[in-house]
Amino acid sequence: MEQLNSTMVEFNTSSSSPEYQPDVVPAVLLSICFLLGVPGNIAVVLLRPNFQHLSSLSQSFMLNLAFSDLLCLLMLPLWIYTLLDSWTFGLEACKLMAYLLYCSIYGSHLTVTMLAVQRYLLVVRLKKFLHLGGKRLLVLLWLVAALLSIPALVFQELSTDENWSECVRIYSSDAQSGASLLTESVVGFILLSVLAFAYIQVRRKVNQSAFFNNPQTNRLVTSIIVTSFVLWVPYLTVNVLGVIAISVENKSLWEFLEQTWGIAVAVTFVNSCLNPVLYAFASYKMRQTTTTNNETAEDEELQE
């Protein structure tokens, strides 16, 4: 889902070796994400704003979201450095850092999706989130994230030239490259679809009831959907175009995408900056509007 140096994925129809050029724009965007996102997520972990109004399961999801986003953002200085200069940390560090980055991104995205499903079950279906319990759900979540991140260990390599080296994905064939991009796109669009469906259903429930008719809550729900799509759809779309470029062996389209990928990837990190605001305070507002009608369901959830 997240490919920091996806602009450097090998496209075997290209015969020339690219010259090193610092990616200044992505580096600036990632720097802003680091400066704003790290304090925000630390504040969520330490202060836990409005957590007293959330169930134990919601608190677990919120903390997991903050930890995964924080892990992702804390690795950004290293990647920012490599966008501006050569990779000097060796192959093992390349594979490990890429794997951890993928795990944190998948962990964050899966947690957001679980939060959406939980809100859907609680508000629309008046049910608690399954019967697995918070700890088991989080273990399952990170297991899935770890499995989805395995390609980073397999394909992440050092691409070296005379004066510089990069930590990038290198595939043995165009088919491998296309399959990797397609897999990331499919997983990403599935998670976004589940997220959108869950929150749209919640909003419909809010609009159908006079008690739930809270304009502020509607705006918060809408902002969650819009933010996720605005920040992720461009990257996923570029991935799909990459699959098309590989399939039809369109070198000019691939070269254009190589220049676009870095910015599209950097934009997705903005989501890690906004998550503390969107989910900490949105969950609080939604809790305010659902406390009375969902008292029974919430009491059951608190026992998990």
Protein backbone atom coordinates (compact mmCIF):
# COMPACT_ATOMS: atom_id res chain seq x y z
CA MET A 1 0.00 0.00 0.00
CA GLU A 2 2.77 2.35 0.87
CA GLN A 3 5.82 2.51 -1.37
CA LEU A 4 8.04 5.39 -0.33
CA ASN A 5 10.46 5.01 -3.22
CA SER A 6 7.92 3.68 -5.68
CA THR A 7 9.26 6.13 -8.26
CA MET A 8 12.29 3.90 -8.49
CA VAL A 9 10.55 0.58 -9.14
CA GLU A 10 12.38 -1.05 -12.02
CA PHE A 11 10.55 -1.01 -15.35
CA ASN A 12 12.33 -3.53 -17.52
CA THR A 13 11.39 -1.86 -20.78
CA SER A 14 13.74 0.97 -19.81
CA SER A 15 17.32 0.42 -20.86
CA SER A 16 18.95 3.54 -19.54
CA SER A 17 20.12 4.08 -15.97
CA PRO A 18 18.46 7.06 -14.28
CA GLU A 19 20.63 9.88 -13.04
CA TYR A 20 20.28 10.77 -9.41
CA GLN A 21 18.11 13.82 -8.74
CA PRO A 22 17.04 14.87 -5.23
CA ASP A 23 13.28 14.66 -4.72
CA VAL A 24 12.87 18.04 -3.06
CA VAL A 25 9.07 18.34 -3.14
CA PRO A 26 8.37 14.94 -1.51
CA ALA A 27 11.13 15.65 1.02
CA VAL A 28 9.49 18.95 2.00
CA LEU A 29 6.03 17.35 2.31
CA LEU A 30 7.41 14.52 4.45
CA SER A 31 9.25 17.02 6.65
CA ILE A 32 6.01 18.91 7.30
CA CYS A 33 4.25 15.61 8.10
CA PHE A 34 6.98 14.72 10.59
CA LEU A 35 6.96 18.10 12.33
CA LEU A 36 3.18 18.21 12.68
CA GLY A 37 2.30 14.53 13.00
CA VAL A 38 4.77 13.38 15.66
CA PRO A 39 3.64 15.90 18.34
CA GLY A 40 -0.02 15.26 17.49
CA ASN A 41 0.23 11.50 17.88
CA ILE A 42 2.36 11.79 21.03
CA ALA A 43 -0.35 14.07 22.47
CA VAL A 44 -3.00 11.45 21.73
CA VAL A 45 -0.93 8.73 23.44
CA LEU A 46 -0.11 10.81 26.52
CA LEU A 47 -3.21 12.97 26.95
CA ARG A 48 -5.80 10.61 25.48
CA PRO A 49 -8.30 13.42 24.72
CA ASN A 50 -11.90 12.48 25.53
CA PHE A 51 -10.93 8.81 25.95
CA GLN A 52 -13.09 8.63 29.07
CA HIS A 53 -16.11 8.87 26.77
CA LEU A 54 -15.03 5.85 24.68
CA SER A 55 -15.45 2.16 25.27
CA SER A 56 -12.41 0.02 26.08
CA LEU A 57 -12.37 -1.35 22.53
CA SER A 58 -12.53 2.14 21.02
CA GLN A 59 -9.68 3.25 23.27
CA SER A 60 -7.58 0.28 22.13
CA PHE A 61 -8.19 1.16 18.48
CA MET A 62 -7.41 4.83 19.07
CA LEU A 63 -4.14 4.08 20.85
CA ASN A 64 -3.17 1.53 18.21
CA LEU A 65 -3.85 4.11 15.50
CA ALA A 66 -1.66 6.67 17.27
CA PHE A 67 1.16 4.17 17.81
CA SER A 68 1.14 2.95 14.20
CA ASP A 69 1.07 6.52 12.85
CA LEU A 70 3.83 7.53 15.26
CA LEU A 71 6.01 4.57 14.20
CA CYS A 72 5.50 5.54 10.58
CA LEU A 73 6.30 9.22 11.13
CA LEU A 74 9.38 8.57 13.29
CA MET A 75 11.01 6.78 10.35
CA LEU A 76 10.49 9.72 8.00
CA PRO A 77 13.78 11.56 8.76
CA LEU A 78 15.72 8.59 7.41
CA TRP A 79 13.65 8.45 4.23
CA ILE A 80 13.83 12.22 3.83
CA TYR A 81 17.61 11.96 3.97
CA THR A 82 17.62 9.26 1.30
CA LEU A 83 15.40 11.37 -0.95
CA LEU A 84 18.05 14.09 -0.85
CA ASP A 85 21.20 11.99 -0.68
CA SER A 86 22.52 8.47 -1.24
CA TRP A 87 21.49 5.48 0.91
CA THR A 88 24.47 4.64 3.12
CA PHE A 89 22.99 2.23 5.67
CA GLY A 90 23.40 -1.14 3.94
CA LEU A 91 21.02 -3.74 2.52
CA GLU A 92 19.84 -5.16 5.86
CA ALA A 93 18.78 -1.73 7.12
CA CYS A 94 17.11 -1.07 3.76
CA LYS A 95 14.94 -4.18 4.02
CA LEU A 96 14.18 -3.72 7.73
CA MET A 97 13.21 -0.05 7.47
CA ALA A 98 11.04 -0.69 4.41
CA TYR A 99 9.33 -3.59 6.18
CA LEU A 100 8.64 -1.55 9.33
CA LEU A 101 7.32 1.30 7.22
CA TYR A 102 4.92 -0.99 5.39
CA CYS A 103 3.80 -2.60 8.68
CA SER A 104 3.06 0.78 10.25
CA ILE A 105 1.13 2.01 7.20
CA TYR A 106 -0.92 -1.17 6.92
CA GLY A 107 -1.45 -1.14 10.69
CA SER A 108 -2.77 2.41 10.54
CA HIS A 109 -5.05 1.79 7.56
CA LEU A 110 -6.44 -1.45 9.02
CA THR A 111 -7.09 0.26 12.37
CA VAL A 112 -9.00 3.06 10.66
CA THR A 113 -11.08 0.45 8.83
CA MET A 114 -11.80 -1.41 12.08
CA LEU A 115 -12.88 1.86 13.70
CA ALA A 116 -15.28 2.41 10.82
CA VAL A 117 -16.73 -1.10 11.10
CA GLN A 118 -17.05 -0.72 14.87
CA ARG A 119 -18.97 2.56 14.48
CA TYR A 120 -21.20 0.92 11.85
CA LEU A 121 -22.04 -2.05 14.08
CA LEU A 122 -22.64 0.11 17.13
CA VAL A 123 -24.68 2.91 15.55
CA VAL A 124 -26.47 1.15 12.68
CA ARG A 125 -26.75 -2.44 13.87
CA LEU A 126 -26.74 -1.71 17.61
CA LYS A 127 -24.25 -4.53 18.13
CA LYS A 128 -20.82 -4.78 19.64
CA PHE A 129 -17.72 -5.53 17.53
CA LEU A 130 -17.69 -9.33 17.24
CA HIS A 131 -16.77 -11.44 20.25
CA LEU A 132 -12.98 -11.62 19.89
CA GLY A 133 -12.04 -8.87 22.34
CA GLY A 134 -9.77 -5.89 21.81
CA LYS A 135 -6.42 -7.67 22.30
CA ARG A 136 -7.22 -10.50 19.90
CA LEU A 137 -8.46 -8.06 17.27
CA LEU A 138 -5.25 -6.04 17.52
CA VAL A 139 -3.10 -9.19 17.30
CA LEU A 140 -5.05 -10.24 14.19
CA LEU A 141 -4.69 -6.75 12.75
CA TRP A 142 -0.90 -6.68 13.12
CA LEU A 143 -0.60 -10.23 11.82
CA VAL A 144 -2.38 -9.19 8.64
CA ALA A 145 -0.21 -6.06 8.41
CA ALA A 146 2.95 -8.17 8.84
CA LEU A 147 1.88 -10.60 6.12
CA LEU A 148 0.98 -7.83 3.68
CA SER A 149 4.41 -6.25 4.29
CA ILE A 150 6.45 -9.35 3.37
CA PRO A 151 7.13 -8.14 -0.22
CA ALA A 152 9.25 -5.36 1.30
CA LEU A 153 11.63 -7.98 2.68
CA VAL A 154 11.69 -9.93 -0.57
CA PHE A 155 11.98 -7.22 -3.22
CA GLN A 156 13.59 -4.27 -1.44
CA GLU A 157 17.17 -3.98 -2.70
CA LEU A 158 19.98 -1.47 -3.16
CA SER A 159 20.18 0.12 -6.58
CA THR A 160 23.68 1.50 -7.00
CA ASP A 161 25.33 3.76 -9.54
CA GLU A 162 28.74 5.40 -9.56
CA ASN A 163 28.13 8.01 -6.86
CA TRP A 164 24.86 7.06 -5.24
CA SER A 165 22.77 4.20 -3.90
CA GLU A 166 19.03 3.86 -3.33
CA CYS A 167 16.83 1.56 -1.26
CA VAL A 168 14.14 0.59 -3.78
CA ARG A 169 11.92 -2.21 -5.01
CA ILE A 170 13.65 -4.23 -7.73
CA TYR A 171 11.74 -6.94 -9.60
CA SER A 172 13.04 -9.64 -11.91
CA SER A 173 10.28 -9.04 -14.45
CA ASP A 174 7.60 -6.56 -15.45
CA ALA A 175 5.00 -9.15 -14.44
CA GLN A 176 6.27 -9.09 -10.85
CA SER A 177 6.24 -5.31 -10.77
CA GLY A 178 2.72 -5.13 -12.19
CA ALA A 179 1.43 -7.78 -9.79
CA SER A 180 2.88 -5.91 -6.81
CA LEU A 181 1.32 -2.59 -7.84
CA LEU A 182 -2.00 -4.27 -8.58
CA THR A 183 -2.05 -6.04 -5.21
CA GLU A 184 -1.40 -2.79 -3.34
CA SER A 185 -4.12 -1.05 -5.32
CA VAL A 186 -6.71 -3.79 -4.76
CA VAL A 187 -6.04 -3.93 -1.00
CA GLY A 188 -6.13 -0.14 -0.76
CA PHE A 189 -9.41 0.23 -2.66
CA ILE A 190 -11.03 -2.57 -0.64
CA LEU A 191 -10.14 -0.86 2.64
CA LEU A 192 -11.35 2.51 1.36
CA SER A 193 -14.60 0.95 0.14
CA VAL A 194 -15.27 -0.64 3.54
CA LEU A 195 -14.45 2.66 5.23
CA ALA A 196 -16.77 4.64 2.96
CA PHE A 197 -19.63 2.13 3.25
CA ALA A 198 -19.46 2.05 7.04
CA TYR A 199 -19.44 5.80 7.54
CA ILE A 200 -22.05 6.46 4.85
CA GLN A 201 -24.37 4.04 6.63
CA VAL A 202 -23.66 5.78 9.94
CA ARG A 203 -24.49 9.14 8.38
CA ARG A 204 -27.75 7.79 6.96
CA LYS A 205 -28.66 6.52 10.41
CA VAL A 206 -27.91 9.95 11.84
CA ASN A 207 -30.09 11.68 9.24
CA GLN A 208 -33.02 9.28 9.69
CA SER A 209 -33.40 9.98 13.40
CA ALA A 210 -34.32 13.29 14.97
CA PHE A 211 -32.15 12.41 17.95
CA PHE A 212 -29.17 11.71 15.71
CA ASN A 213 -29.70 14.85 13.63
CA ASN A 214 -26.51 16.60 14.62
CA PRO A 215 -24.98 18.78 11.86
CA GLN A 216 -21.61 18.82 13.59
CA THR A 217 -21.48 15.03 13.66
CA ASN A 218 -22.44 14.91 9.98
CA ARG A 219 -19.59 17.22 9.10
CA LEU A 220 -17.13 15.12 11.08
CA VAL A 221 -18.25 11.90 9.40
CA THR A 222 -18.04 13.54 5.99
CA SER A 223 -14.55 14.87 6.73
CA ILE A 224 -13.33 11.37 7.60
CA ILE A 225 -14.52 9.95 4.27
CA VAL A 226 -13.33 12.89 2.18
CA THR A 227 -9.91 13.04 3.86
CA SER A 228 -9.22 9.34 3.33
CA PHE A 229 -10.20 9.47 -0.32
CA VAL A 230 -8.42 12.72 -1.09
CA LEU A 231 -5.16 11.48 0.41
CA TRP A 232 -5.20 7.87 -0.79
CA VAL A 233 -7.03 7.72 -4.12
CA PRO A 234 -4.31 9.66 -6.04
CA TYR A 235 -1.62 7.20 -4.93
CA LEU A 236 -3.77 4.16 -5.69
CA THR A 237 -4.73 5.63 -9.07
CA VAL A 238 -1.08 6.19 -9.96
CA ASN A 239 -0.45 2.54 -9.04
CA VAL A 240 -3.23 1.41 -11.40
CA LEU A 241 -1.78 3.58 -14.17
CA GLY A 242 1.56 1.94 -13.46
CA VAL A 243 0.02 -1.47 -14.05
CA ILE A 244 -1.41 -0.20 -17.34
CA ALA A 245 1.95 1.26 -18.37
CA ILE A 246 3.66 -2.07 -17.72
CA SER A 247 0.94 -4.07 -19.48
CA VAL A 248 1.08 -2.01 -22.69
CA GLU A 249 4.82 -1.29 -22.35
CA ASN A 250 4.23 2.44 -22.49
CA LYS A 251 7.61 3.87 -21.51
CA SER A 252 6.55 7.53 -21.70
CA LEU A 253 3.62 6.93 -19.31
CA TRP A 254 5.91 5.07 -16.91
CA GLU A 255 8.46 7.89 -16.93
CA PHE A 256 5.66 10.38 -16.16
CA LEU A 257 4.47 8.19 -13.29
CA GLU A 258 8.01 7.96 -11.91
CA GLN A 259 7.95 11.75 -11.54
CA THR A 260 4.50 11.64 -9.91
CA TRP A 261 4.85 8.72 -7.49
CA GLY A 262 7.05 10.52 -4.99
CA ILE A 263 4.55 13.35 -4.48
CA ALA A 264 1.56 10.98 -4.38
CA VAL A 265 3.28 8.86 -1.72
CA ALA A 266 4.25 11.90 0.36
CA VAL A 267 0.65 13.15 0.34
CA THR A 268 -0.59 9.89 1.91
CA PHE A 269 1.52 10.61 5.00
CA VAL A 270 -0.63 13.66 5.68
CA ASN A 271 -3.28 11.18 6.82
CA SER A 272 -1.04 10.20 9.74
CA CYS A 273 -0.97 13.87 10.78
CA LEU A 274 -4.74 14.30 10.59
CA ASN A 275 -5.72 11.01 12.22
CA PRO A 276 -5.21 12.26 15.81
CA VAL A 277 -7.57 15.19 15.19
CA LEU A 278 -10.16 13.36 13.10
CA TYR A 279 -10.53 10.24 15.19
CA ALA A 280 -9.93 11.54 18.70
CA PHE A 281 -12.52 14.30 18.43
CA ALA A 282 -14.85 12.65 15.91
CA SER A 283 -15.18 9.61 18.17
CA TYR A 284 -16.03 11.90 21.07
CA LYS A 285 -18.76 13.70 19.11
CA MET A 286 -20.20 10.46 17.81
CA ARG A 287 -20.21 9.09 21.33
CA GLN A 288 -22.20 12.14 22.46
CA THR A 289 -24.88 11.53 19.83
CA THR A 290 -25.18 7.79 20.37
CA THR A 291 -24.96 7.40 24.15
CA THR A 292 -28.68 7.27 24.89
CA ASN A 293 -29.92 5.15 21.96
CA ASN A 294 -27.00 2.70 22.18
CA GLU A 295 -26.65 2.38 25.95
CA THR A 296 -27.29 -1.34 25.94
CA ALA A 297 -24.89 -2.09 23.09
CA GLU A 298 -22.19 0.12 24.62
CA ASP A 299 -22.50 -1.59 28.01
CA GLU A 300 -21.90 -4.95 26.32
CA GLU A 301 -18.86 -3.52 24.49
CA LEU A 302 -17.35 -2.22 27.72
CA GLN A 303 -17.25 -5.77 29.05
CA GLU A 304 -14.92 -6.91 26.28
